[in-house]
Amino acid sequence: MKQAPPWTREDVDAGLADDTARAWLDDALADAARAAQAPWAGPSPYTANTWELRFAAAGRHCGRDNADGVRTLLLVEARADVETLTRLYRQGSAAERRAVLQALPALVDGPHAVHLVDDALRTNDTRLVAAAVGPYAAAHLEPHAWRHAILKCLFTGVPLDTVTGVEQRALGDGELARMLTDFAAERTTAGRDVPHDLDRVLALTGTAFPQAEES
């Protein structure tokens, strides 16, 4: 089931610096709305899809801090399908890829865009990983992939509070408990700190964190 986008127009407007940026966003959203009405008129060697060019330029016109919200609004207004989302993700910068991931819950019913989440989780870009473990991943990642997403967050330092639905999905998960315990043992053996989030998620599985024996 699709969800509301993480930003509203009011949210984005509040962060824009001036009327010039708001006017640019008005025009960009109008372009996206026109594309939604004529999806057959997509990119070609002869015509540029204007809203997609604006998607790439959002940070320059609306400020880097507002770019995620602006790009998400454009994707939703254009009713971007999985093919379009995949193209923008593959061709985009890390910031553009993050916006695609954040828009998935509002645009894609079912697991048809899980490949984008999987790709993000193969990176070590913590902002991309954090965007990948939102509501879409909570709803559609298979258990094995979701468990590895948890390990990825622990390995890269992404707080587990970022992971949507961690309390529900970790509850009673014995296989996740085994993986977390093995991960902690490997870190300890290598003389590395165990991430502070690990004992909390391990407790959710119903398994106590093993205490080191006193010498």
N, C-alpha and C. Protein backbone atom coordinates (compact mmCIF):
# COMPACT_ATOMS: atom_id res chain seq x y z
N MET A 1 0.84 -1.20 0.00
CA MET A 1 0.00 0.00 0.00
C MET A 1 0.88 1.25 0.00
N LYS A 2 0.59 2.16 -0.91
CA LYS A 2 1.39 3.38 -1.01
C LYS A 2 1.17 4.28 0.21
N GLN A 3 2.20 5.06 0.52
CA GLN A 3 2.14 5.95 1.67
C GLN A 3 2.30 7.39 1.21
N ALA A 4 1.96 8.31 2.10
CA ALA A 4 2.17 9.73 1.81
C ALA A 4 3.66 10.01 1.71
N PRO A 5 4.08 10.94 0.84
CA PRO A 5 5.51 11.26 0.74
C PRO A 5 6.01 11.87 2.05
N PRO A 6 7.32 11.76 2.31
CA PRO A 6 7.86 12.24 3.57
C PRO A 6 7.85 13.76 3.72
N TRP A 7 7.68 14.49 2.61
CA TRP A 7 7.61 15.95 2.66
C TRP A 7 6.34 16.42 1.98
N THR A 8 5.76 17.50 2.49
CA THR A 8 4.66 18.18 1.82
C THR A 8 5.21 19.45 1.17
N ARG A 9 4.41 20.05 0.32
CA ARG A 9 4.83 21.32 -0.29
C ARG A 9 5.05 22.37 0.78
N GLU A 10 4.23 22.37 1.81
CA GLU A 10 4.39 23.35 2.89
C GLU A 10 5.72 23.14 3.60
N ASP A 11 6.10 21.88 3.83
CA ASP A 11 7.39 21.59 4.45
C ASP A 11 8.53 22.19 3.64
N VAL A 12 8.47 21.97 2.33
CA VAL A 12 9.55 22.42 1.46
C VAL A 12 9.56 23.94 1.37
N ASP A 13 8.39 24.55 1.19
CA ASP A 13 8.32 26.01 1.09
C ASP A 13 8.93 26.69 2.30
N ALA A 14 8.73 26.11 3.47
CA ALA A 14 9.24 26.72 4.70
C ALA A 14 10.76 26.81 4.71
N GLY A 15 11.41 25.93 3.96
CA GLY A 15 12.86 25.94 3.96
C GLY A 15 13.48 26.72 2.81
N LEU A 16 12.67 27.13 1.83
CA LEU A 16 13.22 27.83 0.67
C LEU A 16 13.60 29.26 1.02
N ALA A 17 14.67 29.72 0.39
CA ALA A 17 15.26 31.00 0.78
C ALA A 17 14.45 32.20 0.34
N ASP A 18 13.78 32.12 -0.81
CA ASP A 18 13.13 33.32 -1.34
C ASP A 18 12.07 32.94 -2.37
N ASP A 19 11.40 33.97 -2.90
CA ASP A 19 10.35 33.75 -3.88
C ASP A 19 10.89 33.21 -5.20
N THR A 20 12.15 33.50 -5.50
CA THR A 20 12.75 32.97 -6.74
C THR A 20 12.79 31.45 -6.70
N ALA A 21 13.21 30.91 -5.55
CA ALA A 21 13.25 29.45 -5.41
C ALA A 21 11.85 28.87 -5.46
N ARG A 22 10.87 29.55 -4.85
CA ARG A 22 9.49 29.03 -4.86
C ARG A 22 8.92 29.06 -6.27
N ALA A 23 9.23 30.11 -7.03
CA ALA A 23 8.75 30.18 -8.41
C ALA A 23 9.38 29.08 -9.26
N TRP A 24 10.66 28.82 -9.02
CA TRP A 24 11.32 27.72 -9.75
C TRP A 24 10.63 26.40 -9.42
N LEU A 25 10.30 26.19 -8.15
CA LEU A 25 9.64 24.95 -7.76
C LEU A 25 8.24 24.85 -8.37
N ASP A 26 7.52 25.98 -8.42
CA ASP A 26 6.20 25.99 -9.07
C ASP A 26 6.32 25.49 -10.51
N ASP A 27 7.29 26.04 -11.24
CA ASP A 27 7.47 25.65 -12.64
C ASP A 27 7.88 24.17 -12.76
N ALA A 28 8.76 23.73 -11.85
CA ALA A 28 9.21 22.35 -11.89
C ALA A 28 8.07 21.38 -11.63
N LEU A 29 7.22 21.69 -10.65
CA LEU A 29 6.09 20.82 -10.35
C LEU A 29 5.07 20.82 -11.49
N ALA A 30 4.92 21.97 -12.15
CA ALA A 30 4.02 22.03 -13.31
C ALA A 30 4.54 21.14 -14.44
N ASP A 31 5.86 21.15 -14.66
CA ASP A 31 6.44 20.26 -15.66
C ASP A 31 6.20 18.80 -15.31
N ALA A 32 6.38 18.48 -14.03
CA ALA A 32 6.18 17.10 -13.58
C ALA A 32 4.72 16.68 -13.75
N ALA A 33 3.79 17.58 -13.45
CA ALA A 33 2.37 17.27 -13.60
C ALA A 33 2.02 17.02 -15.06
N ARG A 34 2.61 17.81 -15.97
CA ARG A 34 2.36 17.59 -17.39
C ARG A 34 2.89 16.23 -17.83
N ALA A 35 4.05 15.85 -17.30
CA ALA A 35 4.62 14.55 -17.65
C ALA A 35 3.71 13.42 -17.16
N ALA A 36 3.09 13.61 -16.00
CA ALA A 36 2.18 12.59 -15.46
C ALA A 36 0.96 12.41 -16.35
N GLN A 37 0.54 13.48 -17.01
CA GLN A 37 -0.61 13.41 -17.90
C GLN A 37 -0.27 12.81 -19.26
N ALA A 38 1.02 12.82 -19.60
CA ALA A 38 1.43 12.29 -20.91
C ALA A 38 2.68 11.43 -20.74
N PRO A 39 2.57 10.29 -20.03
CA PRO A 39 3.75 9.47 -19.75
C PRO A 39 4.41 8.91 -20.99
N TRP A 40 3.68 8.88 -22.10
CA TRP A 40 4.26 8.37 -23.33
C TRP A 40 5.33 9.30 -23.89
N ALA A 41 5.31 10.57 -23.45
CA ALA A 41 6.24 11.55 -23.99
C ALA A 41 7.51 11.59 -23.14
N GLY A 42 8.11 10.45 -22.94
CA GLY A 42 9.29 10.35 -22.09
C GLY A 42 10.54 10.80 -22.82
N PRO A 43 11.70 10.61 -22.18
CA PRO A 43 12.96 11.06 -22.79
C PRO A 43 13.21 10.39 -24.13
N SER A 44 13.79 11.12 -25.04
CA SER A 44 14.17 10.58 -26.34
C SER A 44 15.41 11.32 -26.80
N PRO A 45 16.05 10.87 -27.87
CA PRO A 45 17.23 11.59 -28.36
C PRO A 45 16.90 13.02 -28.81
N TYR A 46 15.62 13.34 -29.01
CA TYR A 46 15.25 14.63 -29.59
C TYR A 46 14.58 15.57 -28.60
N THR A 47 13.99 15.03 -27.54
CA THR A 47 13.29 15.88 -26.59
C THR A 47 13.72 15.55 -25.17
N ALA A 48 14.03 16.57 -24.41
CA ALA A 48 14.42 16.37 -23.01
C ALA A 48 13.17 16.40 -22.14
N ASN A 49 13.10 15.52 -21.18
CA ASN A 49 12.01 15.53 -20.23
C ASN A 49 12.36 16.57 -19.17
N THR A 50 11.70 17.74 -19.26
CA THR A 50 12.13 18.90 -18.49
C THR A 50 12.11 18.66 -17.00
N TRP A 51 11.12 17.95 -16.50
CA TRP A 51 11.07 17.76 -15.04
C TRP A 51 12.25 16.93 -14.56
N GLU A 52 12.74 16.02 -15.38
CA GLU A 52 13.90 15.22 -14.97
C GLU A 52 15.16 16.08 -14.92
N LEU A 53 15.27 17.05 -15.81
CA LEU A 53 16.39 17.98 -15.74
C LEU A 53 16.29 18.83 -14.47
N ARG A 54 15.08 19.22 -14.12
CA ARG A 54 14.88 19.99 -12.89
C ARG A 54 15.16 19.12 -11.66
N PHE A 55 14.82 17.86 -11.73
CA PHE A 55 15.12 16.93 -10.64
C PHE A 55 16.62 16.95 -10.33
N ALA A 56 17.43 16.91 -11.37
CA ALA A 56 18.88 16.93 -11.18
C ALA A 56 19.37 18.27 -10.65
N ALA A 57 18.68 19.36 -11.02
CA ALA A 57 19.14 20.71 -10.67
C ALA A 57 18.55 21.25 -9.37
N ALA A 58 17.81 20.43 -8.64
CA ALA A 58 17.07 20.91 -7.46
C ALA A 58 17.97 21.57 -6.43
N GLY A 59 19.11 20.99 -6.16
CA GLY A 59 20.00 21.56 -5.14
C GLY A 59 20.52 22.92 -5.53
N ARG A 60 20.79 23.11 -6.80
CA ARG A 60 21.33 24.39 -7.27
C ARG A 60 20.30 25.50 -7.16
N HIS A 61 19.04 25.19 -7.38
CA HIS A 61 18.00 26.24 -7.38
C HIS A 61 17.28 26.39 -6.04
N CYS A 62 17.24 25.34 -5.26
CA CYS A 62 16.46 25.39 -4.01
C CYS A 62 17.31 25.20 -2.77
N GLY A 63 18.61 24.98 -2.95
CA GLY A 63 19.49 24.79 -1.81
C GLY A 63 19.68 23.31 -1.49
N ARG A 64 20.90 22.98 -1.13
CA ARG A 64 21.23 21.57 -0.88
C ARG A 64 20.37 20.98 0.24
N ASP A 65 20.09 21.78 1.26
CA ASP A 65 19.32 21.26 2.40
C ASP A 65 17.87 20.95 2.04
N ASN A 66 17.38 21.55 0.96
CA ASN A 66 15.99 21.34 0.54
C ASN A 66 15.85 20.35 -0.61
N ALA A 67 16.99 19.90 -1.14
CA ALA A 67 16.95 19.14 -2.39
C ALA A 67 16.20 17.82 -2.24
N ASP A 68 16.36 17.13 -1.10
CA ASP A 68 15.66 15.86 -0.92
C ASP A 68 14.15 16.05 -1.03
N GLY A 69 13.64 17.06 -0.33
CA GLY A 69 12.20 17.32 -0.35
C GLY A 69 11.71 17.72 -1.73
N VAL A 70 12.45 18.60 -2.40
CA VAL A 70 12.07 19.05 -3.73
C VAL A 70 12.04 17.87 -4.70
N ARG A 71 13.07 17.07 -4.68
CA ARG A 71 13.13 15.94 -5.61
C ARG A 71 12.02 14.94 -5.35
N THR A 72 11.73 14.70 -4.08
CA THR A 72 10.65 13.77 -3.76
C THR A 72 9.31 14.29 -4.27
N LEU A 73 9.06 15.58 -4.08
CA LEU A 73 7.81 16.16 -4.59
C LEU A 73 7.72 16.02 -6.10
N LEU A 74 8.83 16.22 -6.80
CA LEU A 74 8.81 16.10 -8.26
C LEU A 74 8.50 14.65 -8.69
N LEU A 75 9.11 13.69 -8.03
CA LEU A 75 8.84 12.29 -8.37
C LEU A 75 7.38 11.93 -8.17
N VAL A 76 6.82 12.40 -7.07
CA VAL A 76 5.41 12.09 -6.78
C VAL A 76 4.49 12.81 -7.76
N GLU A 77 4.79 14.07 -8.05
CA GLU A 77 3.94 14.83 -8.97
C GLU A 77 3.97 14.23 -10.38
N ALA A 78 5.13 13.70 -10.77
CA ALA A 78 5.26 13.09 -12.10
C ALA A 78 4.72 11.66 -12.14
N ARG A 79 4.35 11.13 -10.97
CA ARG A 79 3.90 9.73 -10.86
C ARG A 79 4.92 8.79 -11.50
N ALA A 80 6.16 9.00 -11.14
CA ALA A 80 7.25 8.22 -11.73
C ALA A 80 7.03 6.73 -11.51
N ASP A 81 7.15 5.97 -12.59
CA ASP A 81 6.99 4.52 -12.49
C ASP A 81 8.34 3.88 -12.19
N VAL A 82 8.34 2.56 -12.03
CA VAL A 82 9.57 1.87 -11.64
C VAL A 82 10.67 2.06 -12.68
N GLU A 83 10.29 2.04 -13.95
CA GLU A 83 11.29 2.23 -15.01
C GLU A 83 11.96 3.60 -14.88
N THR A 84 11.15 4.64 -14.66
CA THR A 84 11.68 5.99 -14.52
C THR A 84 12.53 6.10 -13.26
N LEU A 85 12.04 5.56 -12.16
CA LEU A 85 12.80 5.60 -10.91
C LEU A 85 14.14 4.90 -11.06
N THR A 86 14.14 3.78 -11.75
CA THR A 86 15.38 3.04 -11.95
C THR A 86 16.35 3.85 -12.80
N ARG A 87 15.86 4.47 -13.86
CA ARG A 87 16.74 5.27 -14.71
C ARG A 87 17.34 6.44 -13.94
N LEU A 88 16.51 7.16 -13.18
CA LEU A 88 17.00 8.30 -12.41
C LEU A 88 18.00 7.85 -11.35
N TYR A 89 17.74 6.71 -10.76
CA TYR A 89 18.67 6.19 -9.76
C TYR A 89 20.01 5.82 -10.41
N ARG A 90 19.96 5.07 -11.49
CA ARG A 90 21.19 4.62 -12.14
C ARG A 90 22.03 5.79 -12.65
N GLN A 91 21.37 6.81 -13.16
CA GLN A 91 22.08 7.92 -13.78
C GLN A 91 22.44 9.03 -12.79
N GLY A 92 21.84 8.98 -11.60
CA GLY A 92 21.93 10.11 -10.70
C GLY A 92 23.13 10.11 -9.77
N SER A 93 23.33 11.27 -9.14
CA SER A 93 24.32 11.40 -8.08
C SER A 93 23.82 10.68 -6.83
N ALA A 94 24.65 10.63 -5.82
CA ALA A 94 24.23 10.00 -4.56
C ALA A 94 23.01 10.73 -3.98
N ALA A 95 22.99 12.05 -4.08
CA ALA A 95 21.85 12.81 -3.56
C ALA A 95 20.57 12.50 -4.34
N GLU A 96 20.68 12.34 -5.65
CA GLU A 96 19.52 12.00 -6.47
C GLU A 96 19.05 10.58 -6.18
N ARG A 97 19.98 9.68 -5.96
CA ARG A 97 19.61 8.30 -5.61
C ARG A 97 18.89 8.27 -4.27
N ARG A 98 19.36 9.08 -3.34
CA ARG A 98 18.70 9.12 -2.02
C ARG A 98 17.25 9.56 -2.15
N ALA A 99 17.00 10.55 -2.98
CA ALA A 99 15.63 11.03 -3.17
C ALA A 99 14.74 9.95 -3.78
N VAL A 100 15.27 9.20 -4.72
CA VAL A 100 14.50 8.10 -5.31
C VAL A 100 14.11 7.10 -4.23
N LEU A 101 15.05 6.73 -3.40
CA LEU A 101 14.76 5.77 -2.33
C LEU A 101 13.70 6.30 -1.37
N GLN A 102 13.79 7.58 -1.04
CA GLN A 102 12.83 8.17 -0.11
C GLN A 102 11.43 8.25 -0.69
N ALA A 103 11.34 8.31 -2.02
CA ALA A 103 10.04 8.42 -2.66
C ALA A 103 9.37 7.07 -2.90
N LEU A 104 10.10 5.98 -2.77
CA LEU A 104 9.54 4.67 -3.12
C LEU A 104 8.23 4.34 -2.41
N PRO A 105 8.09 4.59 -1.09
CA PRO A 105 6.83 4.21 -0.44
C PRO A 105 5.60 4.92 -1.01
N ALA A 106 5.81 6.12 -1.56
CA ALA A 106 4.69 6.88 -2.11
C ALA A 106 4.37 6.51 -3.55
N LEU A 107 5.25 5.76 -4.20
CA LEU A 107 5.09 5.54 -5.64
C LEU A 107 4.96 4.08 -6.06
N VAL A 108 5.47 3.15 -5.27
CA VAL A 108 5.55 1.76 -5.72
C VAL A 108 4.79 0.85 -4.77
N ASP A 109 3.79 0.19 -5.29
CA ASP A 109 3.11 -0.88 -4.56
C ASP A 109 3.83 -2.19 -4.86
N GLY A 110 4.14 -2.95 -3.83
CA GLY A 110 4.78 -4.24 -4.05
C GLY A 110 6.29 -4.13 -4.15
N PRO A 111 6.96 -5.26 -4.34
CA PRO A 111 8.42 -5.33 -4.25
C PRO A 111 9.16 -5.00 -5.55
N HIS A 112 8.51 -4.31 -6.48
CA HIS A 112 9.07 -4.14 -7.82
C HIS A 112 10.30 -3.24 -7.86
N ALA A 113 10.55 -2.48 -6.79
CA ALA A 113 11.73 -1.59 -6.77
C ALA A 113 12.75 -2.03 -5.72
N VAL A 114 12.63 -3.25 -5.24
CA VAL A 114 13.57 -3.74 -4.23
C VAL A 114 15.01 -3.74 -4.76
N HIS A 115 15.17 -3.89 -6.07
CA HIS A 115 16.53 -3.88 -6.63
C HIS A 115 17.27 -2.57 -6.33
N LEU A 116 16.53 -1.47 -6.19
CA LEU A 116 17.17 -0.20 -5.87
C LEU A 116 17.64 -0.18 -4.42
N VAL A 117 16.82 -0.73 -3.53
CA VAL A 117 17.22 -0.85 -2.13
C VAL A 117 18.45 -1.75 -2.02
N ASP A 118 18.44 -2.87 -2.72
CA ASP A 118 19.58 -3.79 -2.68
C ASP A 118 20.86 -3.10 -3.14
N ASP A 119 20.75 -2.29 -4.19
CA ASP A 119 21.93 -1.59 -4.70
C ASP A 119 22.46 -0.61 -3.66
N ALA A 120 21.57 0.14 -3.04
CA ALA A 120 22.00 1.12 -2.03
C ALA A 120 22.69 0.44 -0.86
N LEU A 121 22.20 -0.72 -0.49
CA LEU A 121 22.77 -1.43 0.65
C LEU A 121 24.13 -2.05 0.33
N ARG A 122 24.50 -2.07 -0.94
CA ARG A 122 25.84 -2.55 -1.30
C ARG A 122 26.88 -1.44 -1.21
N THR A 123 26.45 -0.20 -1.00
CA THR A 123 27.39 0.91 -0.89
C THR A 123 27.81 1.11 0.56
N ASN A 124 28.80 1.97 0.76
CA ASN A 124 29.19 2.38 2.11
C ASN A 124 28.85 3.85 2.36
N ASP A 125 27.97 4.39 1.54
CA ASP A 125 27.48 5.76 1.72
C ASP A 125 26.39 5.72 2.81
N THR A 126 26.69 6.25 3.98
CA THR A 126 25.77 6.10 5.11
C THR A 126 24.44 6.79 4.88
N ARG A 127 24.42 7.91 4.15
CA ARG A 127 23.14 8.58 3.89
C ARG A 127 22.30 7.76 2.92
N LEU A 128 22.95 7.08 2.00
CA LEU A 128 22.23 6.22 1.06
C LEU A 128 21.70 4.98 1.77
N VAL A 129 22.52 4.40 2.63
CA VAL A 129 22.08 3.24 3.41
C VAL A 129 20.89 3.62 4.29
N ALA A 130 20.97 4.77 4.94
CA ALA A 130 19.87 5.22 5.81
C ALA A 130 18.58 5.41 5.02
N ALA A 131 18.68 5.94 3.81
CA ALA A 131 17.49 6.12 2.97
C ALA A 131 16.93 4.77 2.52
N ALA A 132 17.80 3.79 2.37
CA ALA A 132 17.37 2.48 1.86
C ALA A 132 16.57 1.69 2.88
N VAL A 133 16.76 1.96 4.18
CA VAL A 133 16.12 1.14 5.22
C VAL A 133 14.87 1.82 5.79
N GLY A 134 14.20 2.59 4.95
CA GLY A 134 12.97 3.25 5.35
C GLY A 134 11.74 2.36 5.19
N PRO A 135 10.56 2.96 5.08
CA PRO A 135 9.32 2.19 5.04
C PRO A 135 9.22 1.18 3.90
N TYR A 136 9.81 1.50 2.74
CA TYR A 136 9.71 0.58 1.62
C TYR A 136 10.44 -0.73 1.94
N ALA A 137 11.65 -0.62 2.48
CA ALA A 137 12.40 -1.82 2.85
C ALA A 137 11.68 -2.60 3.94
N ALA A 138 11.10 -1.89 4.91
CA ALA A 138 10.39 -2.57 6.00
C ALA A 138 9.25 -3.42 5.46
N ALA A 139 8.60 -2.93 4.41
CA ALA A 139 7.45 -3.64 3.85
C ALA A 139 7.83 -4.74 2.87
N HIS A 140 8.96 -4.58 2.17
CA HIS A 140 9.19 -5.44 1.01
C HIS A 140 10.50 -6.22 0.98
N LEU A 141 11.46 -5.91 1.83
CA LEU A 141 12.68 -6.71 1.81
C LEU A 141 12.40 -8.09 2.37
N GLU A 142 12.91 -9.11 1.69
CA GLU A 142 12.82 -10.48 2.20
C GLU A 142 13.62 -10.60 3.50
N PRO A 143 13.26 -11.56 4.37
CA PRO A 143 13.93 -11.66 5.68
C PRO A 143 15.44 -11.72 5.59
N HIS A 144 15.98 -12.52 4.66
CA HIS A 144 17.44 -12.65 4.58
C HIS A 144 18.08 -11.31 4.24
N ALA A 145 17.52 -10.60 3.25
CA ALA A 145 18.07 -9.31 2.85
C ALA A 145 17.91 -8.28 3.97
N TRP A 146 16.78 -8.34 4.69
CA TRP A 146 16.55 -7.38 5.77
C TRP A 146 17.56 -7.59 6.90
N ARG A 147 17.84 -8.84 7.23
CA ARG A 147 18.84 -9.11 8.27
C ARG A 147 20.21 -8.55 7.88
N HIS A 148 20.57 -8.72 6.61
CA HIS A 148 21.85 -8.18 6.17
C HIS A 148 21.83 -6.66 6.15
N ALA A 149 20.66 -6.06 5.94
CA ALA A 149 20.56 -4.61 6.04
C ALA A 149 20.85 -4.13 7.46
N ILE A 150 20.39 -4.89 8.45
CA ILE A 150 20.69 -4.55 9.84
C ILE A 150 22.19 -4.61 10.09
N LEU A 151 22.83 -5.67 9.61
CA LEU A 151 24.28 -5.79 9.77
C LEU A 151 25.00 -4.65 9.04
N LYS A 152 24.49 -4.26 7.88
CA LYS A 152 25.10 -3.16 7.14
C LYS A 152 25.04 -1.88 7.95
N CYS A 153 23.91 -1.62 8.58
CA CYS A 153 23.79 -0.43 9.41
C CYS A 153 24.77 -0.46 10.57
N LEU A 154 24.89 -1.61 11.23
CA LEU A 154 25.84 -1.73 12.33
C LEU A 154 27.27 -1.55 11.85
N PHE A 155 27.59 -2.10 10.71
CA PHE A 155 28.95 -2.03 10.17
C PHE A 155 29.33 -0.60 9.77
N THR A 156 28.37 0.13 9.20
CA THR A 156 28.67 1.48 8.70
C THR A 156 28.35 2.58 9.70
N GLY A 157 27.75 2.22 10.84
CA GLY A 157 27.45 3.23 11.85
C GLY A 157 26.15 3.96 11.64
N VAL A 158 25.27 3.44 10.80
CA VAL A 158 23.94 4.04 10.63
C VAL A 158 23.09 3.66 11.85
N PRO A 159 22.56 4.63 12.58
CA PRO A 159 21.79 4.29 13.78
C PRO A 159 20.58 3.42 13.45
N LEU A 160 20.33 2.42 14.29
CA LEU A 160 19.20 1.53 14.02
C LEU A 160 17.86 2.23 14.22
N ASP A 161 17.84 3.39 14.87
CA ASP A 161 16.61 4.18 14.93
C ASP A 161 16.17 4.61 13.53
N THR A 162 17.11 4.60 12.60
CA THR A 162 16.80 4.97 11.21
C THR A 162 16.01 3.88 10.50
N VAL A 163 16.11 2.64 10.98
CA VAL A 163 15.51 1.49 10.30
C VAL A 163 14.02 1.43 10.65
N THR A 164 13.18 1.67 9.67
CA THR A 164 11.73 1.59 9.89
C THR A 164 11.32 0.17 10.24
N GLY A 165 10.53 0.04 11.30
CA GLY A 165 9.96 -1.26 11.64
C GLY A 165 10.91 -2.24 12.29
N VAL A 166 12.06 -1.75 12.80
CA VAL A 166 13.04 -2.68 13.36
C VAL A 166 12.46 -3.44 14.54
N GLU A 167 11.64 -2.79 15.35
CA GLU A 167 11.07 -3.48 16.51
C GLU A 167 10.18 -4.64 16.10
N GLN A 168 9.37 -4.43 15.06
CA GLN A 168 8.44 -5.47 14.63
C GLN A 168 9.16 -6.61 13.92
N ARG A 169 10.11 -6.27 13.04
CA ARG A 169 10.73 -7.31 12.23
C ARG A 169 11.77 -8.11 13.00
N ALA A 170 12.40 -7.49 14.00
CA ALA A 170 13.42 -8.21 14.77
C ALA A 170 12.81 -9.10 15.85
N LEU A 171 11.56 -8.86 16.18
CA LEU A 171 10.93 -9.56 17.30
C LEU A 171 10.99 -11.08 17.12
N GLY A 172 11.67 -11.76 18.03
CA GLY A 172 11.72 -13.22 18.01
C GLY A 172 12.47 -13.82 16.84
N ASP A 173 13.29 -13.04 16.14
CA ASP A 173 13.99 -13.54 14.94
C ASP A 173 15.29 -14.24 15.38
N GLY A 174 15.23 -15.54 15.51
CA GLY A 174 16.38 -16.31 15.97
C GLY A 174 17.56 -16.27 15.02
N GLU A 175 17.29 -16.25 13.70
CA GLU A 175 18.38 -16.19 12.73
C GLU A 175 19.10 -14.86 12.82
N LEU A 176 18.36 -13.77 13.00
CA LEU A 176 19.00 -12.47 13.19
C LEU A 176 19.85 -12.49 14.45
N ALA A 177 19.34 -13.10 15.53
CA ALA A 177 20.10 -13.20 16.77
C ALA A 177 21.43 -13.91 16.54
N ARG A 178 21.40 -15.01 15.77
CA ARG A 178 22.63 -15.74 15.49
C ARG A 178 23.61 -14.88 14.72
N MET A 179 23.13 -14.16 13.71
CA MET A 179 24.00 -13.31 12.90
C MET A 179 24.60 -12.18 13.73
N LEU A 180 23.80 -11.60 14.61
CA LEU A 180 24.30 -10.51 15.45
C LEU A 180 25.35 -11.01 16.43
N THR A 181 25.10 -12.18 17.01
CA THR A 181 26.04 -12.75 17.96
C THR A 181 27.36 -13.08 17.28
N ASP A 182 27.29 -13.64 16.07
CA ASP A 182 28.51 -13.94 15.30
C ASP A 182 29.26 -12.65 14.96
N PHE A 183 28.52 -11.63 14.57
CA PHE A 183 29.13 -10.35 14.22
C PHE A 183 29.86 -9.75 15.43
N ALA A 184 29.19 -9.80 16.59
CA ALA A 184 29.81 -9.27 17.80
C ALA A 184 31.07 -10.04 18.17
N ALA A 185 31.02 -11.37 18.01
CA ALA A 185 32.19 -12.20 18.33
C ALA A 185 33.36 -11.88 17.40
N GLU A 186 33.07 -11.67 16.11
CA GLU A 186 34.12 -11.32 15.15
C GLU A 186 34.76 -9.99 15.50
N ARG A 187 33.94 -9.02 15.87
CA ARG A 187 34.47 -7.71 16.25
C ARG A 187 35.35 -7.81 17.50
N THR A 188 34.86 -8.57 18.47
CA THR A 188 35.61 -8.70 19.72
C THR A 188 36.94 -9.39 19.47
N THR A 189 36.94 -10.46 18.68
CA THR A 189 38.16 -11.20 18.37
C THR A 189 39.18 -10.31 17.66
N ALA A 190 38.67 -9.41 16.82
CA ALA A 190 39.55 -8.51 16.07
C ALA A 190 39.97 -7.28 16.88
N GLY A 191 39.51 -7.20 18.12
CA GLY A 191 39.87 -6.07 18.97
C GLY A 191 39.13 -4.79 18.62
N ARG A 192 37.97 -4.95 18.00
CA ARG A 192 37.18 -3.77 17.61
C ARG A 192 35.97 -3.64 18.54
N ASP A 193 35.50 -2.40 18.65
CA ASP A 193 34.33 -2.16 19.48
C ASP A 193 33.09 -2.78 18.84
N VAL A 194 32.20 -3.27 19.69
CA VAL A 194 30.90 -3.75 19.22
C VAL A 194 29.95 -2.55 19.17
N PRO A 195 29.28 -2.30 18.03
CA PRO A 195 28.38 -1.15 17.93
C PRO A 195 27.37 -1.11 19.07
N HIS A 196 27.14 0.08 19.62
CA HIS A 196 26.29 0.18 20.81
C HIS A 196 24.84 -0.21 20.52
N ASP A 197 24.43 -0.14 19.26
CA ASP A 197 23.05 -0.51 18.90
C ASP A 197 22.82 -2.02 18.91
N LEU A 198 23.91 -2.79 18.87
CA LEU A 198 23.74 -4.22 18.66
C LEU A 198 23.00 -4.90 19.81
N ASP A 199 23.33 -4.53 21.05
CA ASP A 199 22.68 -5.21 22.16
C ASP A 199 21.20 -4.89 22.21
N ARG A 200 20.83 -3.68 21.74
CA ARG A 200 19.40 -3.31 21.76
C ARG A 200 18.60 -4.14 20.76
N VAL A 201 19.11 -4.29 19.54
CA VAL A 201 18.36 -5.07 18.56
C VAL A 201 18.43 -6.55 18.89
N LEU A 202 19.54 -6.99 19.49
CA LEU A 202 19.63 -8.38 19.92
C LEU A 202 18.56 -8.68 20.97
N ALA A 203 18.35 -7.73 21.88
CA ALA A 203 17.32 -7.92 22.90
C ALA A 203 15.93 -8.05 22.27
N LEU A 204 15.70 -7.36 21.16
CA LEU A 204 14.41 -7.46 20.48
C LEU A 204 14.16 -8.88 19.97
N THR A 205 15.25 -9.57 19.62
CA THR A 205 15.08 -10.94 19.11
C THR A 205 14.76 -11.91 20.24
N GLY A 206 14.92 -11.46 21.49
CA GLY A 206 14.68 -12.34 22.62
C GLY A 206 15.93 -13.04 23.11
N THR A 207 17.10 -12.56 22.61
CA THR A 207 18.38 -13.17 23.00
C THR A 207 19.19 -12.16 23.79
N ALA A 208 19.73 -12.56 24.93
CA ALA A 208 20.55 -11.68 25.73
C ALA A 208 21.94 -11.56 25.12
N PHE A 209 22.53 -10.37 25.25
CA PHE A 209 23.90 -10.17 24.76
C PHE A 209 24.85 -10.97 25.63
N PRO A 210 25.70 -11.82 25.03
CA PRO A 210 26.61 -12.64 25.84
C PRO A 210 27.62 -11.79 26.58
N GLN A 211 27.79 -12.03 27.85
CA GLN A 211 28.75 -11.28 28.65
C GLN A 211 30.10 -11.96 28.61
N ALA A 212 31.14 -11.13 28.53
CA ALA A 212 32.49 -11.69 28.53
C ALA A 212 32.80 -12.28 29.90
N GLU A 213 33.49 -13.42 29.93
CA GLU A 213 33.86 -14.06 31.18
C GLU A 213 34.97 -13.27 31.86
N GLU A 214 34.85 -13.13 33.15
CA GLU A 214 35.88 -12.43 33.90
C GLU A 214 37.08 -13.35 34.10
N SER A 215 38.26 -12.77 33.99
CA SER A 215 39.48 -13.58 34.17
C SER A 215 39.91 -13.54 35.63
